[in-house]
Amino acid sequence: MITNERQYEQTRKQLTMLESSLAGTQAGTAGNDGFRDVQAAGLESQIQDLRDELTEYEQLRAGSTTVFEASSLAGLADSLIKARIARGWTQRDLADALGVAEQQIQRYESTAYRSASLARLCDIAEALGVTITERTELRDPNAA
């Protein structure tokens, strides 16, 4: 997941490089003849993944997405990051709203909020104006 403008620009550059490599592979100027199809398929897959990430970030940044679903409590981190981006906030903006250093938000986001307390997650959700609803369901302990 792309979480900031720097990562967005790096991803765009990486996409351009992969597209160039794919063009060379398809033109027969790169790679081994017997391996070319496998190389092209791998590059196409990576290119599509990057395009998907760029599209998601662009949609979030445009503010066109306002609901983020998390299928587990662990998914809450991605939802908070997406909400920050959709709100149009940088990591610095969130840090300022919380009265912490920007580096703290960077650390939280780079570790998917693993080190953040429940109280801090509530503070972040409040600062972002996020309403979190989660259904708690007891799973069958015998289910695989």
C-alpha atoms as a PDB file:
ATOM      1  CA  MET A   1       0.000   0.000   0.000  1.00  0.00           C
ATOM      2  CA  ILE A   2       1.252   3.471  -0.891  1.00  0.00           C
ATOM      3  CA  THR A   3       1.061   5.696   2.169  1.00  0.00           C
ATOM      4  CA  ASN A   4       2.585   9.004   1.040  1.00  0.00           C
ATOM      5  CA  GLU A   5       3.615  11.130  -1.938  1.00  0.00           C
ATOM      6  CA  ARG A   6       7.236   9.973  -1.806  1.00  0.00           C
ATOM      7  CA  GLN A   7       6.172   6.342  -2.116  1.00  0.00           C
ATOM      8  CA  TYR A   8       3.737   7.330  -4.850  1.00  0.00           C
ATOM      9  CA  GLU A   9       6.523   8.923  -6.914  1.00  0.00           C
ATOM     10  CA  GLN A  10       8.846   5.962  -6.303  1.00  0.00           C
ATOM     11  CA  THR A  11       6.112   3.573  -7.429  1.00  0.00           C
ATOM     12  CA  ARG A  12       5.527   5.595 -10.601  1.00  0.00           C
ATOM     13  CA  LYS A  13       9.258   5.452 -11.400  1.00  0.00           C
ATOM     14  CA  GLN A  14       9.348   1.717 -10.731  1.00  0.00           C
ATOM     15  CA  LEU A  15       6.340   1.235 -13.010  1.00  0.00           C
ATOM     16  CA  THR A  16       8.092   3.137 -15.818  1.00  0.00           C
ATOM     17  CA  MET A  17      11.196   0.974 -15.433  1.00  0.00           C
ATOM     18  CA  LEU A  18       9.174  -2.246 -15.487  1.00  0.00           C
ATOM     19  CA  GLU A  19       7.202  -1.112 -18.535  1.00  0.00           C
ATOM     20  CA  SER A  20      10.500  -0.386 -20.306  1.00  0.00           C
ATOM     21  CA  SER A  21      11.827  -3.823 -19.351  1.00  0.00           C
ATOM     22  CA  LEU A  22       8.629  -5.445 -20.607  1.00  0.00           C
ATOM     23  CA  ALA A  23       8.877  -3.596 -23.922  1.00  0.00           C
ATOM     24  CA  GLY A  24      12.469  -4.793 -24.315  1.00  0.00           C
ATOM     25  CA  THR A  25      11.515  -8.333 -23.448  1.00  0.00           C
ATOM     26  CA  GLN A  26       8.615  -8.352 -25.894  1.00  0.00           C
ATOM     27  CA  ALA A  27      10.796  -6.832 -28.628  1.00  0.00           C
ATOM     28  CA  GLY A  28      13.328  -9.595 -28.138  1.00  0.00           C
ATOM     29  CA  THR A  29      16.106  -7.245 -27.059  1.00  0.00           C
ATOM     30  CA  ALA A  30      16.213  -8.504 -23.493  1.00  0.00           C
ATOM     31  CA  GLY A  31      16.314 -11.941 -21.984  1.00  0.00           C
ATOM     32  CA  ASN A  32      16.740 -15.456 -23.214  1.00  0.00           C
ATOM     33  CA  ASP A  33      14.449 -16.723 -26.019  1.00  0.00           C
ATOM     34  CA  GLY A  34      13.280 -19.771 -24.047  1.00  0.00           C
ATOM     35  CA  PHE A  35      12.651 -17.733 -20.965  1.00  0.00           C
ATOM     36  CA  ARG A  36      11.155 -14.624 -22.592  1.00  0.00           C
ATOM     37  CA  ASP A  37       7.490 -15.596 -22.130  1.00  0.00           C
ATOM     38  CA  VAL A  38       8.042 -16.300 -18.447  1.00  0.00           C
ATOM     39  CA  GLN A  39       9.872 -12.987 -18.024  1.00  0.00           C
ATOM     40  CA  ALA A  40       7.099 -11.103 -19.811  1.00  0.00           C
ATOM     41  CA  ALA A  41       4.386 -12.740 -17.700  1.00  0.00           C
ATOM     42  CA  GLY A  42       6.237 -11.870 -14.495  1.00  0.00           C
ATOM     43  CA  LEU A  43       6.750  -8.277 -15.579  1.00  0.00           C
ATOM     44  CA  GLU A  44       3.106  -7.937 -16.619  1.00  0.00           C
ATOM     45  CA  SER A  45       2.003  -9.197 -13.208  1.00  0.00           C
ATOM     46  CA  GLN A  46       4.269  -6.742 -11.371  1.00  0.00           C
ATOM     47  CA  ILE A  47       3.127  -3.905 -13.620  1.00  0.00           C
ATOM     48  CA  GLN A  48      -0.523  -4.645 -12.894  1.00  0.00           C
ATOM     49  CA  ASP A  49       0.140  -4.738  -9.144  1.00  0.00           C
ATOM     50  CA  LEU A  50       1.832  -1.326  -9.293  1.00  0.00           C
ATOM     51  CA  ARG A  51      -0.946   0.113 -11.440  1.00  0.00           C
ATOM     52  CA  ASP A  52      -3.509  -1.136  -8.920  1.00  0.00           C
ATOM     53  CA  GLU A  53      -1.597   0.475  -6.038  1.00  0.00           C
ATOM     54  CA  LEU A  54      -1.266   3.759  -7.921  1.00  0.00           C
ATOM     55  CA  THR A  55      -4.963   3.754  -8.809  1.00  0.00           C
ATOM     56  CA  GLU A  56      -5.985   3.060  -5.211  1.00  0.00           C
ATOM     57  CA  TYR A  57      -3.774   5.882  -3.921  1.00  0.00           C
ATOM     58  CA  GLU A  58      -5.060   8.302  -6.559  1.00  0.00           C
ATOM     59  CA  GLN A  59      -8.672   7.462  -5.688  1.00  0.00           C
ATOM     60  CA  LEU A  60      -7.973   7.901  -1.993  1.00  0.00           C
ATOM     61  CA  ARG A  61      -6.142  11.163  -2.583  1.00  0.00           C
ATOM     62  CA  ALA A  62      -9.070  12.434  -4.684  1.00  0.00           C
ATOM     63  CA  GLY A  63     -11.373  11.807  -1.724  1.00  0.00           C
ATOM     64  CA  SER A  64     -13.716   9.663  -3.791  1.00  0.00           C
ATOM     65  CA  THR A  65     -13.552   6.794  -1.283  1.00  0.00           C
ATOM     66  CA  THR A  66     -15.149   7.354   2.118  1.00  0.00           C
ATOM     67  CA  VAL A  67     -15.771   3.831   3.412  1.00  0.00           C
ATOM     68  CA  PHE A  68     -12.955   1.423   4.186  1.00  0.00           C
ATOM     69  CA  GLU A  69     -13.666  -2.144   5.171  1.00  0.00           C
ATOM     70  CA  ALA A  70     -11.488  -4.175   7.485  1.00  0.00           C
ATOM     71  CA  SER A  71     -12.220  -7.861   7.770  1.00  0.00           C
ATOM     72  CA  SER A  72     -10.207  -8.099  10.978  1.00  0.00           C
ATOM     73  CA  LEU A  73      -8.841  -5.922  13.727  1.00  0.00           C
ATOM     74  CA  ALA A  74      -5.448  -6.135  11.993  1.00  0.00           C
ATOM     75  CA  GLY A  75      -7.066  -4.494   8.953  1.00  0.00           C
ATOM     76  CA  LEU A  76      -7.829  -1.406  11.032  1.00  0.00           C
ATOM     77  CA  ALA A  77      -4.334  -0.055  10.342  1.00  0.00           C
ATOM     78  CA  ASP A  78      -4.890  -0.003   6.579  1.00  0.00           C
ATOM     79  CA  SER A  79      -8.263   1.653   7.116  1.00  0.00           C
ATOM     80  CA  LEU A  80      -6.726   4.428   9.217  1.00  0.00           C
ATOM     81  CA  ILE A  81      -3.988   5.032   6.641  1.00  0.00           C
ATOM     82  CA  LYS A  82      -6.551   5.111   3.833  1.00  0.00           C
ATOM     83  CA  ALA A  83      -8.727   7.495   5.839  1.00  0.00           C
ATOM     84  CA  ARG A  84      -5.775   9.839   6.357  1.00  0.00           C
ATOM     85  CA  ILE A  85      -5.031   9.889   2.634  1.00  0.00           C
ATOM     86  CA  ALA A  86      -8.708  10.298   1.688  1.00  0.00           C
ATOM     87  CA  ARG A  87      -8.989  13.170   4.171  1.00  0.00           C
ATOM     88  CA  GLY A  88      -6.167  14.850   2.239  1.00  0.00           C
ATOM     89  CA  TRP A  89      -3.851  14.778   5.224  1.00  0.00           C
ATOM     90  CA  THR A  90      -0.140  14.121   5.179  1.00  0.00           C
ATOM     91  CA  GLN A  91       1.568  12.215   7.946  1.00  0.00           C
ATOM     92  CA  ARG A  92       2.689  15.619   9.245  1.00  0.00           C
ATOM     93  CA  ASP A  93      -0.930  16.856   9.353  1.00  0.00           C
ATOM     94  CA  LEU A  94      -1.958  13.862  11.446  1.00  0.00           C
ATOM     95  CA  ALA A  95       1.057  14.291  13.707  1.00  0.00           C
ATOM     96  CA  ASP A  96       0.187  17.952  14.246  1.00  0.00           C
ATOM     97  CA  ALA A  97      -3.424  17.061  15.080  1.00  0.00           C
ATOM     98  CA  LEU A  98      -2.200  14.551  17.666  1.00  0.00           C
ATOM     99  CA  GLY A  99       0.640  16.686  19.026  1.00  0.00           C
ATOM    100  CA  VAL A 100       3.329  14.127  18.156  1.00  0.00           C
ATOM    101  CA  ALA A 101       6.340  14.133  15.845  1.00  0.00           C
ATOM    102  CA  GLU A 102       5.791  13.265  12.197  1.00  0.00           C
ATOM    103  CA  GLN A 103       8.309  10.435  12.614  1.00  0.00           C
ATOM    104  CA  GLN A 104       5.974   8.813  15.139  1.00  0.00           C
ATOM    105  CA  ILE A 105       3.199   8.632  12.545  1.00  0.00           C
ATOM    106  CA  GLN A 106       5.703   7.295  10.014  1.00  0.00           C
ATOM    107  CA  ARG A 107       6.710   4.570  12.496  1.00  0.00           C
ATOM    108  CA  TYR A 108       3.096   3.729  13.286  1.00  0.00           C
ATOM    109  CA  GLU A 109       2.181   3.420   9.628  1.00  0.00           C
ATOM    110  CA  SER A 110       5.313   1.502   8.624  1.00  0.00           C
ATOM    111  CA  THR A 111       4.498  -1.136  11.254  1.00  0.00           C
ATOM    112  CA  ALA A 112       0.739  -1.130  10.597  1.00  0.00           C
ATOM    113  CA  TYR A 113       0.138   0.523  14.005  1.00  0.00           C
ATOM    114  CA  ARG A 114       1.418  -2.556  15.865  1.00  0.00           C
ATOM    115  CA  SER A 115       3.061  -0.427  18.565  1.00  0.00           C
ATOM    116  CA  ALA A 116       0.113   1.925  19.013  1.00  0.00           C
ATOM    117  CA  SER A 117      -2.094   1.504  22.048  1.00  0.00           C
ATOM    118  CA  LEU A 118      -5.840   1.167  21.745  1.00  0.00           C
ATOM    119  CA  ALA A 119      -6.142   4.659  23.240  1.00  0.00           C
ATOM    120  CA  ARG A 120      -3.821   6.039  20.536  1.00  0.00           C
ATOM    121  CA  LEU A 121      -5.841   4.287  17.791  1.00  0.00           C
ATOM    122  CA  CYS A 122      -8.964   5.924  19.203  1.00  0.00           C
ATOM    123  CA  ASP A 123      -7.187   9.308  19.186  1.00  0.00           C
ATOM    124  CA  ILE A 124      -6.173   8.801  15.551  1.00  0.00           C
ATOM    125  CA  ALA A 125      -9.690   7.816  14.522  1.00  0.00           C
ATOM    126  CA  GLU A 126     -11.081  10.863  16.339  1.00  0.00           C
ATOM    127  CA  ALA A 127      -8.542  13.224  14.746  1.00  0.00           C
ATOM    128  CA  LEU A 128      -9.395  11.881  11.305  1.00  0.00           C
ATOM    129  CA  GLY A 129     -13.132  12.059  11.939  1.00  0.00           C
ATOM    130  CA  VAL A 130     -13.485   8.319  11.425  1.00  0.00           C
ATOM    131  CA  THR A 131     -16.336   6.237  12.739  1.00  0.00           C
ATOM    132  CA  ILE A 132     -15.299   2.639  13.269  1.00  0.00           C
ATOM    133  CA  THR A 133     -17.859  -0.089  13.390  1.00  0.00           C
ATOM    134  CA  GLU A 134     -16.829  -3.675  13.875  1.00  0.00           C
ATOM    135  CA  ARG A 135     -18.824  -6.799  14.400  1.00  0.00           C
ATOM    136  CA  THR A 136     -17.374  -9.180  16.927  1.00  0.00           C
ATOM    137  CA  GLU A 137     -18.012 -12.785  16.079  1.00  0.00           C
ATOM    138  CA  LEU A 138     -16.992 -15.848  18.048  1.00  0.00           C
ATOM    139  CA  ARG A 139     -15.447 -18.348  15.644  1.00  0.00           C
ATOM    140  CA  ASP A 140     -15.851 -22.085  16.010  1.00  0.00           C
ATOM    141  CA  PRO A 141     -12.589 -23.230  17.662  1.00  0.00           C
ATOM    142  CA  ASN A 142     -12.788 -26.500  15.706  1.00  0.00           C
ATOM    143  CA  ALA A 143     -13.047 -24.793  12.310  1.00  0.00           C
ATOM    144  CA  ALA A 144      -9.874 -24.816  10.256  1.00  0.00           C
END
